Amino acid sequence: MEQRTLIERLARHLAAGDPDRWQTKVEDAASLLALMKSPDEAMVDAGDTRIWQAMIDAALRERWSVAQAPHTAEPPAGTDEEGEIALPPGSVSDNRADWVHLHDRQEKPT
């Protein structure tokens, strides 16, 4: 039995309604993995975060080896801040405020 990469398995899962088009879900799968790179408190308590992050990085690199969807006429709108993950056109607007993330700790006076 063929062992598929994590990124391919996620893409195939995301395309469950249309399994022949799983390649179109590779970037969505990569986005999910990128979100998982920062562990939550329970994960930090359970193990070494450096190992977790290295494993996620390795899984993200695998997206270049899986079958990619044919390019559409519309190019991606941009990439994440590291320049690694292509963002679909609907995820990027002209409003720069969309990219600002405020944290409660920084907003409250000390």
PDB file of N, CA and C in Angstrom:
ATOM      1  N   MET A   1       0.834  -1.179   0.000  1.00  0.00           N
ATOM      2  CA  MET A   1       0.000   0.000   0.000  1.00  0.00           C
ATOM      3  C   MET A   1       0.880   1.245   0.000  1.00  0.00           C
ATOM      4  N   GLU A   2       0.533   2.193  -0.845  1.00  0.00           N
ATOM      5  CA  GLU A   2       1.305   3.425  -0.970  1.00  0.00           C
ATOM      6  C   GLU A   2       1.098   4.324   0.244  1.00  0.00           C
ATOM      7  N   GLN A   3       2.196   4.848   0.773  1.00  0.00           N
ATOM      8  CA  GLN A   3       2.122   5.783   1.889  1.00  0.00           C
ATOM      9  C   GLN A   3       2.101   7.193   1.317  1.00  0.00           C
ATOM     10  N   ARG A   4       0.992   7.876   1.465  1.00  0.00           N
ATOM     11  CA  ARG A   4       0.863   9.238   0.956  1.00  0.00           C
ATOM     12  C   ARG A   4       1.384  10.229   1.986  1.00  0.00           C
ATOM     13  N   THR A   5       1.851  11.375   1.497  1.00  0.00           N
ATOM     14  CA  THR A   5       2.324  12.421   2.407  1.00  0.00           C
ATOM     15  C   THR A   5       1.137  13.000   3.166  1.00  0.00           C
ATOM     16  N   LEU A   6       1.417  13.621   4.287  1.00  0.00           N
ATOM     17  CA  LEU A   6       0.372  14.236   5.088  1.00  0.00           C
ATOM     18  C   LEU A   6      -0.372  15.290   4.281  1.00  0.00           C
ATOM     19  N   ILE A   7       0.348  16.087   3.533  1.00  0.00           N
ATOM     20  CA  ILE A   7      -0.296  17.150   2.764  1.00  0.00           C
ATOM     21  C   ILE A   7      -1.261  16.574   1.731  1.00  0.00           C
ATOM     22  N   GLU A   8      -0.887  15.464   1.098  1.00  0.00           N
ATOM     23  CA  GLU A   8      -1.784  14.830   0.130  1.00  0.00           C
ATOM     24  C   GLU A   8      -2.991  14.223   0.829  1.00  0.00           C
ATOM     25  N   ARG A   9      -2.765  13.594   1.968  1.00  0.00           N
ATOM     26  CA  ARG A   9      -3.896  13.008   2.696  1.00  0.00           C
ATOM     27  C   ARG A   9      -4.891  14.082   3.121  1.00  0.00           C
ATOM     28  N   LEU A  10      -4.379  15.230   3.584  1.00  0.00           N
ATOM     29  CA  LEU A  10      -5.268  16.325   3.952  1.00  0.00           C
ATOM     30  C   LEU A  10      -6.021  16.853   2.726  1.00  0.00           C
ATOM     31  N   ALA A  11      -5.319  17.034   1.606  1.00  0.00           N
ATOM     32  CA  ALA A  11      -5.959  17.526   0.387  1.00  0.00           C
ATOM     33  C   ALA A  11      -7.052  16.569  -0.077  1.00  0.00           C
ATOM     34  N   ARG A  12      -6.767  15.286  -0.019  1.00  0.00           N
ATOM     35  CA  ARG A  12      -7.778  14.293  -0.421  1.00  0.00           C
ATOM     36  C   ARG A  12      -8.979  14.331   0.522  1.00  0.00           C
ATOM     37  N   HIS A  13      -8.737  14.526   1.799  1.00  0.00           N
ATOM     38  CA  HIS A  13      -9.834  14.630   2.761  1.00  0.00           C
ATOM     39  C   HIS A  13     -10.683  15.874   2.474  1.00  0.00           C
ATOM     40  N   LEU A  14     -10.024  16.992   2.203  1.00  0.00           N
ATOM     41  CA  LEU A  14     -10.745  18.230   1.911  1.00  0.00           C
ATOM     42  C   LEU A  14     -11.565  18.132   0.621  1.00  0.00           C
ATOM     43  N   ALA A  15     -11.131  17.265  -0.287  1.00  0.00           N
ATOM     44  CA  ALA A  15     -11.827  17.096  -1.565  1.00  0.00           C
ATOM     45  C   ALA A  15     -12.768  15.900  -1.547  1.00  0.00           C
ATOM     46  N   ALA A  16     -13.203  15.491  -0.387  1.00  0.00           N
ATOM     47  CA  ALA A  16     -14.035  14.291  -0.277  1.00  0.00           C
ATOM     48  C   ALA A  16     -15.269  14.352  -1.169  1.00  0.00           C
ATOM     49  N   GLY A  17     -15.842  15.527  -1.368  1.00  0.00           N
ATOM     50  CA  GLY A  17     -17.023  15.652  -2.214  1.00  0.00           C
ATOM     51  C   GLY A  17     -16.709  15.525  -3.698  1.00  0.00           C
ATOM     52  N   ASP A  18     -15.451  15.711  -4.074  1.00  0.00           N
ATOM     53  CA  ASP A  18     -15.026  15.634  -5.474  1.00  0.00           C
ATOM     54  C   ASP A  18     -13.617  15.043  -5.507  1.00  0.00           C
ATOM     55  N   PRO A  19     -13.470  13.747  -5.207  1.00  0.00           N
ATOM     56  CA  PRO A  19     -12.155  13.142  -5.016  1.00  0.00           C
ATOM     57  C   PRO A  19     -11.211  13.233  -6.216  1.00  0.00           C
ATOM     58  N   ASP A  20     -11.727  13.399  -7.417  1.00  0.00           N
ATOM     59  CA  ASP A  20     -10.852  13.511  -8.582  1.00  0.00           C
ATOM     60  C   ASP A  20     -10.151  14.862  -8.655  1.00  0.00           C
ATOM     61  N   ARG A  21     -10.589  15.806  -7.854  1.00  0.00           N
ATOM     62  CA  ARG A  21      -9.994  17.148  -7.892  1.00  0.00           C
ATOM     63  C   ARG A  21      -9.231  17.466  -6.601  1.00  0.00           C
ATOM     64  N   TRP A  22      -8.656  16.452  -5.970  1.00  0.00           N
ATOM     65  CA  TRP A  22      -7.956  16.678  -4.708  1.00  0.00           C
ATOM     66  C   TRP A  22      -6.768  17.621  -4.874  1.00  0.00           C
ATOM     67  N   GLN A  23      -6.178  17.670  -6.067  1.00  0.00           N
ATOM     68  CA  GLN A  23      -5.024  18.548  -6.286  1.00  0.00           C
ATOM     69  C   GLN A  23      -5.382  20.015  -6.073  1.00  0.00           C
ATOM     70  N   THR A  24      -6.642  20.352  -6.294  1.00  0.00           N
ATOM     71  CA  THR A  24      -7.058  21.745  -6.088  1.00  0.00           C
ATOM     72  C   THR A  24      -7.108  22.109  -4.612  1.00  0.00           C
ATOM     73  N   LYS A  25      -6.981  21.137  -3.743  1.00  0.00           N
ATOM     74  CA  LYS A  25      -7.055  21.369  -2.296  1.00  0.00           C
ATOM     75  C   LYS A  25      -5.690  21.345  -1.611  1.00  0.00           C
ATOM     76  N   VAL A  26      -4.615  21.196  -2.388  1.00  0.00           N
ATOM     77  CA  VAL A  26      -3.268  21.115  -1.796  1.00  0.00           C
ATOM     78  C   VAL A  26      -2.928  22.392  -1.030  1.00  0.00           C
ATOM     79  N   GLU A  27      -3.212  23.548  -1.611  1.00  0.00           N
ATOM     80  CA  GLU A  27      -2.885  24.803  -0.924  1.00  0.00           C
ATOM     81  C   GLU A  27      -3.764  25.009   0.308  1.00  0.00           C
ATOM     82  N   ASP A  28      -5.008  24.557   0.259  1.00  0.00           N
ATOM     83  CA  ASP A  28      -5.863  24.631   1.453  1.00  0.00           C
ATOM     84  C   ASP A  28      -5.280  23.750   2.557  1.00  0.00           C
ATOM     85  N   ALA A  29      -4.812  22.583   2.183  1.00  0.00           N
ATOM     86  CA  ALA A  29      -4.195  21.676   3.155  1.00  0.00           C
ATOM     87  C   ALA A  29      -2.933  22.314   3.737  1.00  0.00           C
ATOM     88  N   ALA A  30      -2.141  22.971   2.896  1.00  0.00           N
ATOM     89  CA  ALA A  30      -0.924  23.644   3.371  1.00  0.00           C
ATOM     90  C   ALA A  30      -1.283  24.769   4.341  1.00  0.00           C
ATOM     91  N   SER A  31      -2.357  25.483   4.061  1.00  0.00           N
ATOM     92  CA  SER A  31      -2.785  26.552   4.967  1.00  0.00           C
ATOM     93  C   SER A  31      -3.163  25.998   6.334  1.00  0.00           C
ATOM     94  N   LEU A  32      -3.860  24.864   6.333  1.00  0.00           N
ATOM     95  CA  LEU A  32      -4.218  24.239   7.609  1.00  0.00           C
ATOM     96  C   LEU A  32      -2.979  23.810   8.384  1.00  0.00           C
ATOM     97  N   LEU A  33      -2.033  23.218   7.671  1.00  0.00           N
ATOM     98  CA  LEU A  33      -0.796  22.805   8.342  1.00  0.00           C
ATOM     99  C   LEU A  33      -0.047  24.002   8.900  1.00  0.00           C
ATOM    100  N   ALA A  34      -0.005  25.082   8.144  1.00  0.00           N
ATOM    101  CA  ALA A  34       0.690  26.284   8.621  1.00  0.00           C
ATOM    102  C   ALA A  34       0.050  26.810   9.905  1.00  0.00           C
ATOM    103  N   LEU A  35      -1.272  26.719   9.996  1.00  0.00           N
ATOM    104  CA  LEU A  35      -1.959  27.133  11.227  1.00  0.00           C
ATOM    105  C   LEU A  35      -1.578  26.248  12.404  1.00  0.00           C
ATOM    106  N   MET A  36      -1.326  24.988  12.119  1.00  0.00           N
ATOM    107  CA  MET A  36      -0.996  24.033  13.175  1.00  0.00           C
ATOM    108  C   MET A  36       0.445  24.154  13.661  1.00  0.00           C
ATOM    109  N   LYS A  37       1.261  24.929  12.967  1.00  0.00           N
ATOM    110  CA  LYS A  37       2.677  25.016  13.325  1.00  0.00           C
ATOM    111  C   LYS A  37       2.884  25.585  14.726  1.00  0.00           C
ATOM    112  N   SER A  38       2.027  26.508  15.125  1.00  0.00           N
ATOM    113  CA  SER A  38       2.137  27.082  16.474  1.00  0.00           C
ATOM    114  C   SER A  38       1.276  26.252  17.422  1.00  0.00           C
ATOM    115  N   PRO A  39       1.914  25.472  18.301  1.00  0.00           N
ATOM    116  CA  PRO A  39       1.149  24.597  19.198  1.00  0.00           C
ATOM    117  C   PRO A  39       0.400  25.394  20.266  1.00  0.00           C
ATOM    118  N   ASP A  40      -0.699  24.816  20.734  1.00  0.00           N
ATOM    119  CA  ASP A  40      -1.440  25.444  21.828  1.00  0.00           C
ATOM    120  C   ASP A  40      -0.821  25.013  23.162  1.00  0.00           C
ATOM    121  N   GLU A  41      -1.392  25.490  24.269  1.00  0.00           N
ATOM    122  CA  GLU A  41      -0.831  25.209  25.600  1.00  0.00           C
ATOM    123  C   GLU A  41      -0.732  23.721  25.904  1.00  0.00           C
ATOM    124  N   ALA A  42      -1.788  22.981  25.592  1.00  0.00           N
ATOM    125  CA  ALA A  42      -1.789  21.543  25.877  1.00  0.00           C
ATOM    126  C   ALA A  42      -0.681  20.839  25.099  1.00  0.00           C
ATOM    127  N   MET A  43      -0.458  21.258  23.865  1.00  0.00           N
ATOM    128  CA  MET A  43       0.587  20.640  23.047  1.00  0.00           C
ATOM    129  C   MET A  43       1.973  20.985  23.591  1.00  0.00           C
ATOM    130  N   VAL A  44       2.143  22.239  24.014  1.00  0.00           N
ATOM    131  CA  VAL A  44       3.430  22.656  24.590  1.00  0.00           C
ATOM    132  C   VAL A  44       3.730  21.829  25.831  1.00  0.00           C
ATOM    133  N   ASP A  45       2.707  21.613  26.661  1.00  0.00           N
ATOM    134  CA  ASP A  45       2.886  20.822  27.886  1.00  0.00           C
ATOM    135  C   ASP A  45       3.231  19.359  27.570  1.00  0.00           C
ATOM    136  N   ALA A  46       2.786  18.863  26.418  1.00  0.00           N
ATOM    137  CA  ALA A  46       2.970  17.456  26.081  1.00  0.00           C
ATOM    138  C   ALA A  46       4.335  17.132  25.473  1.00  0.00           C
ATOM    139  N   GLY A  47       5.017  18.126  24.899  1.00  0.00           N
ATOM    140  CA  GLY A  47       6.273  17.760  24.249  1.00  0.00           C
ATOM    141  C   GLY A  47       7.093  18.943  23.768  1.00  0.00           C
ATOM    142  N   ASP A  48       8.129  18.616  23.015  1.00  0.00           N
ATOM    143  CA  ASP A  48       9.098  19.576  22.514  1.00  0.00           C
ATOM    144  C   ASP A  48       8.523  20.310  21.305  1.00  0.00           C
ATOM    145  N   THR A  49       8.307  21.614  21.441  1.00  0.00           N
ATOM    146  CA  THR A  49       7.712  22.391  20.346  1.00  0.00           C
ATOM    147  C   THR A  49       8.642  22.494  19.143  1.00  0.00           C
ATOM    148  N   ARG A  50       9.944  22.460  19.358  1.00  0.00           N
ATOM    149  CA  ARG A  50      10.878  22.536  18.219  1.00  0.00           C
ATOM    150  C   ARG A  50      10.712  21.329  17.305  1.00  0.00           C
ATOM    151  N   ILE A  51      10.502  20.172  17.891  1.00  0.00           N
ATOM    152  CA  ILE A  51      10.297  18.961  17.080  1.00  0.00           C
ATOM    153  C   ILE A  51       8.988  19.075  16.313  1.00  0.00           C
ATOM    154  N   TRP A  52       7.933  19.520  16.986  1.00  0.00           N
ATOM    155  CA  TRP A  52       6.633  19.688  16.334  1.00  0.00           C
ATOM    156  C   TRP A  52       6.756  20.643  15.143  1.00  0.00           C
ATOM    157  N   GLN A  53       7.375  21.790  15.366  1.00  0.00           N
ATOM    158  CA  GLN A  53       7.494  22.776  14.300  1.00  0.00           C
ATOM    159  C   GLN A  53       8.348  22.255  13.138  1.00  0.00           C
ATOM    160  N   ALA A  54       9.389  21.504  13.443  1.00  0.00           N
ATOM    161  CA  ALA A  54      10.215  20.913  12.388  1.00  0.00           C
ATOM    162  C   ALA A  54       9.415  19.891  11.582  1.00  0.00           C
ATOM    163  N   MET A  55       8.569  19.133  12.258  1.00  0.00           N
ATOM    164  CA  MET A  55       7.735  18.151  11.564  1.00  0.00           C
ATOM    165  C   MET A  55       6.720  18.848  10.650  1.00  0.00           C
ATOM    166  N   ILE A  56       6.108  19.930  11.115  1.00  0.00           N
ATOM    167  CA  ILE A  56       5.157  20.678  10.286  1.00  0.00           C
ATOM    168  C   ILE A  56       5.882  21.285   9.086  1.00  0.00           C
ATOM    169  N   ASP A  57       7.071  21.839   9.314  1.00  0.00           N
ATOM    170  CA  ASP A  57       7.858  22.384   8.200  1.00  0.00           C
ATOM    171  C   ASP A  57       8.138  21.307   7.156  1.00  0.00           C
ATOM    172  N   ALA A  58       8.492  20.118   7.606  1.00  0.00           N
ATOM    173  CA  ALA A  58       8.770  19.014   6.677  1.00  0.00           C
ATOM    174  C   ALA A  58       7.515  18.658   5.888  1.00  0.00           C
ATOM    175  N   ALA A  59       6.376  18.625   6.551  1.00  0.00           N
ATOM    176  CA  ALA A  59       5.114  18.322   5.864  1.00  0.00           C
ATOM    177  C   ALA A  59       4.775  19.405   4.847  1.00  0.00           C
ATOM    178  N   LEU A  60       5.026  20.667   5.191  1.00  0.00           N
ATOM    179  CA  LEU A  60       4.746  21.765   4.265  1.00  0.00           C
ATOM    180  C   LEU A  60       5.642  21.702   3.024  1.00  0.00           C
ATOM    181  N   ARG A  61       6.887  21.317   3.205  1.00  0.00           N
ATOM    182  CA  ARG A  61       7.789  21.194   2.046  1.00  0.00           C
ATOM    183  C   ARG A  61       7.320  20.118   1.075  1.00  0.00           C
ATOM    184  N   GLU A  62       6.613  19.118   1.571  1.00  0.00           N
ATOM    185  CA  GLU A  62       6.140  18.021   0.721  1.00  0.00           C
ATOM    186  C   GLU A  62       5.096  18.463  -0.297  1.00  0.00           C
ATOM    187  N   ARG A  63       4.480  19.620  -0.077  1.00  0.00           N
ATOM    188  CA  ARG A  63       3.435  20.038  -1.028  1.00  0.00           C
ATOM    189  C   ARG A  63       4.002  20.251  -2.416  1.00  0.00           C
ATOM    190  N   TRP A  64       5.297  20.503  -2.536  1.00  0.00           N
ATOM    191  CA  TRP A  64       5.894  20.724  -3.857  1.00  0.00           C
ATOM    192  C   TRP A  64       6.095  19.409  -4.597  1.00  0.00           C
ATOM    193  N   SER A  65       6.011  18.286  -3.894  1.00  0.00           N
ATOM    194  CA  SER A  65       6.220  16.997  -4.560  1.00  0.00           C
ATOM    195  C   SER A  65       4.916  16.305  -4.939  1.00  0.00           C
ATOM    196  N   VAL A  66       3.781  16.801  -4.438  1.00  0.00           N
ATOM    197  CA  VAL A  66       2.501  16.193  -4.801  1.00  0.00           C
ATOM    198  C   VAL A  66       1.984  16.855  -6.067  1.00  0.00           C
ATOM    199  N   ALA A  67       1.088  16.167  -6.726  1.00  0.00           N
ATOM    200  CA  ALA A  67       0.531  16.697  -7.973  1.00  0.00           C
ATOM    201  C   ALA A  67      -0.162  18.019  -7.708  1.00  0.00           C
ATOM    202  N   GLN A  68       0.209  19.015  -8.463  1.00  0.00           N
ATOM    203  CA  GLN A  68      -0.406  20.324  -8.333  1.00  0.00           C
ATOM    204  C   GLN A  68      -1.550  20.460  -9.324  1.00  0.00           C
ATOM    205  N   ALA A  69      -2.521  21.252  -8.946  1.00  0.00           N
ATOM    206  CA  ALA A  69      -3.653  21.511  -9.840  1.00  0.00           C
ATOM    207  C   ALA A  69      -3.173  22.356 -11.010  1.00  0.00           C
ATOM    208  N   PRO A  70      -3.785  22.191 -12.165  1.00  0.00           N
ATOM    209  CA  PRO A  70      -3.428  23.036 -13.294  1.00  0.00           C
ATOM    210  C   PRO A  70      -3.659  24.500 -12.938  1.00  0.00           C
ATOM    211  N   HIS A  71      -2.803  25.365 -13.474  1.00  0.00           N
ATOM    212  CA  HIS A  71      -2.927  26.788 -13.189  1.00  0.00           C
ATOM    213  C   HIS A  71      -4.185  27.342 -13.826  1.00  0.00           C
ATOM    214  N   THR A  72      -4.837  28.214 -13.086  1.00  0.00           N
ATOM    215  CA  THR A  72      -6.021  28.870 -13.621  1.00  0.00           C
ATOM    216  C   THR A  72      -5.592  30.189 -14.254  1.00  0.00           C
ATOM    217  N   ALA A  73      -6.503  30.829 -14.922  1.00  0.00           N
ATOM    218  CA  ALA A  73      -6.195  32.103 -15.563  1.00  0.00           C
ATOM    219  C   ALA A  73      -5.891  33.184 -14.536  1.00  0.00           C
ATOM    220  N   GLU A  74      -6.476  33.072 -13.344  1.00  0.00           N
ATOM    221  CA  GLU A  74      -6.275  34.073 -12.308  1.00  0.00           C
ATOM    222  C   GLU A  74      -5.117  33.655 -11.402  1.00  0.00           C
ATOM    223  N   PRO A  75      -4.052  34.463 -11.319  1.00  0.00           N
ATOM    224  CA  PRO A  75      -2.915  34.105 -10.471  1.00  0.00           C
ATOM    225  C   PRO A  75      -3.257  34.275  -9.000  1.00  0.00           C
ATOM    226  N   PRO A  76      -2.491  33.654  -8.103  1.00  0.00           N
ATOM    227  CA  PRO A  76      -2.741  33.833  -6.679  1.00  0.00           C
ATOM    228  C   PRO A  76      -2.615  35.302  -6.302  1.00  0.00           C
ATOM    229  N   ALA A  77      -3.346  35.706  -5.278  1.00  0.00           N
ATOM    230  CA  ALA A  77      -3.333  37.097  -4.845  1.00  0.00           C
ATOM    231  C   ALA A  77      -2.033  37.468  -4.143  1.00  0.00           C
ATOM    232  N   GLY A  78      -1.359  36.529  -3.547  1.00  0.00           N
ATOM    233  CA  GLY A  78      -0.133  36.808  -2.816  1.00  0.00           C
ATOM    234  C   GLY A  78       0.294  35.593  -2.026  1.00  0.00           C
ATOM    235  N   THR A  79       1.158  35.825  -1.044  1.00  0.00           N
ATOM    236  CA  THR A  79       1.636  34.740  -0.207  1.00  0.00           C
ATOM    237  C   THR A  79       1.564  35.155   1.256  1.00  0.00           C
ATOM    238  N   ASP A  80       1.780  34.177   2.130  1.00  0.00           N
ATOM    239  CA  ASP A  80       1.833  34.480   3.552  1.00  0.00           C
ATOM    240  C   ASP A  80       3.079  35.309   3.838  1.00  0.00           C
ATOM    241  N   GLU A  81       3.244  35.749   5.108  1.00  0.00           N
ATOM    242  CA  GLU A  81       4.360  36.633   5.417  1.00  0.00           C
ATOM    243  C   GLU A  81       5.731  36.005   5.196  1.00  0.00           C
ATOM    244  N   GLU A  82       5.829  34.684   5.236  1.00  0.00           N
ATOM    245  CA  GLU A  82       7.101  34.025   4.959  1.00  0.00           C
ATOM    246  C   GLU A  82       7.312  33.823   3.463  1.00  0.00           C
ATOM    247  N   GLY A  83       6.281  34.064   2.669  1.00  0.00           N
ATOM    248  CA  GLY A  83       6.383  33.872   1.233  1.00  0.00           C
ATOM    249  C   GLY A  83       6.310  32.420   0.819  1.00  0.00           C
ATOM    250  N   GLU A  84       5.829  31.547   1.711  1.00  0.00           N
ATOM    251  CA  GLU A  84       5.824  30.115   1.428  1.00  0.00           C
ATOM    252  C   GLU A  84       4.488  29.589   0.941  1.00  0.00           C
ATOM    253  N   ILE A  85       3.392  30.173   1.390  1.00  0.00           N
ATOM    254  CA  ILE A  85       2.070  29.636   1.085  1.00  0.00           C
ATOM    255  C   ILE A  85       1.320  30.627   0.208  1.00  0.00           C
ATOM    256  N   ALA A  86       0.916  30.174  -0.977  1.00  0.00           N
ATOM    257  CA  ALA A  86       0.137  31.032  -1.862  1.00  0.00           C
ATOM    258  C   ALA A  86      -1.253  31.242  -1.275  1.00  0.00           C
ATOM    259  N   LEU A  87      -1.705  32.468  -1.321  1.00  0.00           N
ATOM    260  CA  LEU A  87      -3.024  32.796  -0.809  1.00  0.00           C
ATOM    261  C   LEU A  87      -3.986  32.964  -1.978  1.00  0.00           C
ATOM    262  N   PRO A  88      -5.160  32.348  -1.902  1.00  0.00           N
ATOM    263  CA  PRO A  88      -6.119  32.490  -2.997  1.00  0.00           C
ATOM    264  C   PRO A  88      -6.610  33.928  -3.093  1.00  0.00           C
ATOM    265  N   PRO A  89      -7.059  34.353  -4.263  1.00  0.00           N
ATOM    266  CA  PRO A  89      -7.471  35.744  -4.463  1.00  0.00           C
ATOM    267  C   PRO A  89      -8.498  36.243  -3.439  1.00  0.00           C
ATOM    268  N   GLY A  90      -9.426  35.415  -3.010  1.00  0.00           N
ATOM    269  CA  GLY A  90     -10.445  35.844  -2.065  1.00  0.00           C
ATOM    270  C   GLY A  90      -9.927  36.103  -0.660  1.00  0.00           C
ATOM    271  N   SER A  91      -8.721  35.683  -0.349  1.00  0.00           N
ATOM    272  CA  SER A  91      -8.210  35.832   1.010  1.00  0.00           C
ATOM    273  C   SER A  91      -7.448  37.130   1.226  1.00  0.00           C
ATOM    274  N   VAL A  92      -7.177  37.864   0.160  1.00  0.00           N
ATOM    275  CA  VAL A  92      -6.410  39.104   0.258  1.00  0.00           C
ATOM    276  C   VAL A  92      -7.259  40.239  -0.287  1.00  0.00           C
ATOM    277  N   SER A  93      -7.445  41.284   0.519  1.00  0.00           N
ATOM    278  CA  SER A  93      -8.205  42.440   0.050  1.00  0.00           C
ATOM    279  C   SER A  93      -7.264  43.636  -0.062  1.00  0.00           C
ATOM    280  N   ASP A  94      -7.793  44.730  -0.549  1.00  0.00           N
ATOM    281  CA  ASP A  94      -7.004  45.958  -0.646  1.00  0.00           C
ATOM    282  C   ASP A  94      -6.944  46.699   0.677  1.00  0.00           C
ATOM    283  N   ASN A  95      -7.680  46.239   1.670  1.00  0.00           N
ATOM    284  CA  ASN A  95      -7.725  46.895   2.967  1.00  0.00           C
ATOM    285  C   ASN A  95      -6.557  46.400   3.819  1.00  0.00           C
ATOM    286  N   ARG A  96      -5.571  47.254   4.047  1.00  0.00           N
ATOM    287  CA  ARG A  96      -4.395  46.850   4.821  1.00  0.00           C
ATOM    288  C   ARG A  96      -4.743  46.476   6.256  1.00  0.00           C
ATOM    289  N   ALA A  97      -5.850  46.989   6.770  1.00  0.00           N
ATOM    290  CA  ALA A  97      -6.255  46.671   8.146  1.00  0.00           C
ATOM    291  C   ALA A  97      -6.576  45.190   8.306  1.00  0.00           C
ATOM    292  N   ASP A  98      -6.899  44.503   7.206  1.00  0.00           N
ATOM    293  CA  ASP A  98      -7.159  43.068   7.279  1.00  0.00           C
ATOM    294  C   ASP A  98      -5.932  42.299   7.769  1.00  0.00           C
ATOM    295  N   TRP A  99      -4.765  42.867   7.574  1.00  0.00           N
ATOM    296  CA  TRP A  99      -3.521  42.172   7.913  1.00  0.00           C
ATOM    297  C   TRP A  99      -3.020  42.509   9.312  1.00  0.00           C
ATOM    298  N   VAL A 100      -3.697  43.416  10.002  1.00  0.00           N
ATOM    299  CA  VAL A 100      -3.270  43.822  11.345  1.00  0.00           C
ATOM    300  C   VAL A 100      -3.920  42.895  12.365  1.00  0.00           C
ATOM    301  N   HIS A 101      -3.103  42.311  13.225  1.00  0.00           N
ATOM    302  CA  HIS A 101      -3.607  41.426  14.274  1.00  0.00           C
ATOM    303  C   HIS A 101      -3.239  42.041  15.616  1.00  0.00           C
ATOM    304  N   LEU A 102      -4.251  42.438  16.367  1.00  0.00           N
ATOM    305  CA  LEU A 102      -4.021  43.040  17.668  1.00  0.00           C
ATOM    306  C   LEU A 102      -4.179  41.988  18.750  1.00  0.00           C
ATOM    307  N   HIS A 103      -3.362  42.089  19.759  1.00  0.00           N
ATOM    308  CA  HIS A 103      -3.412  41.164  20.887  1.00  0.00           C
ATOM    309  C   HIS A 103      -3.810  41.946  22.124  1.00  0.00           C
ATOM    310  N   ASP A 104      -4.712  41.387  22.916  1.00  0.00           N
ATOM    311  CA  ASP A 104      -5.220  42.077  24.096  1.00  0.00           C
ATOM    312  C   ASP A 104      -4.107  42.561  25.018  1.00  0.00           C
ATOM    313  N   ARG A 105      -3.072  41.742  25.197  1.00  0.00           N
ATOM    314  CA  ARG A 105      -1.991  42.101  26.100  1.00  0.00           C
ATOM    315  C   ARG A 105      -1.363  43.423  25.676  1.00  0.00           C
ATOM    316  N   GLN A 106      -1.197  43.664  24.412  1.00  0.00           N
ATOM    317  CA  GLN A 106      -0.531  44.860  23.926  1.00  0.00           C
ATOM    318  C   GLN A 106      -1.448  46.084  23.960  1.00  0.00           C
ATOM    319  N   GLU A 107      -2.746  45.883  23.947  1.00  0.00           N
ATOM    320  CA  GLU A 107      -3.679  46.990  23.923  1.00  0.00           C
ATOM    321  C   GLU A 107      -3.894  47.600  25.310  1.00  0.00           C
ATOM    322  N   LYS A 108      -3.764  46.807  26.350  1.00  0.00           N
ATOM    323  CA  LYS A 108      -4.052  47.282  27.704  1.00  0.00           C
ATOM    324  C   LYS A 108      -2.834  47.993  28.278  1.00  0.00           C
ATOM    325  N   PRO A 109      -3.047  49.136  28.908  1.00  0.00           N
ATOM    326  CA  PRO A 109      -1.920  49.815  29.552  1.00  0.00           C
ATOM    327  C   PRO A 109      -1.403  48.992  30.733  1.00  0.00           C
ATOM    328  N   THR A 110      -0.108  49.069  30.931  1.00  0.00           N
ATOM    329  CA  THR A 110       0.494  48.300  32.037  1.00  0.00           C
ATOM    330  C   THR A 110       0.695  49.148  33.249  1.00  0.00           C
TER     331      THR A 110
END
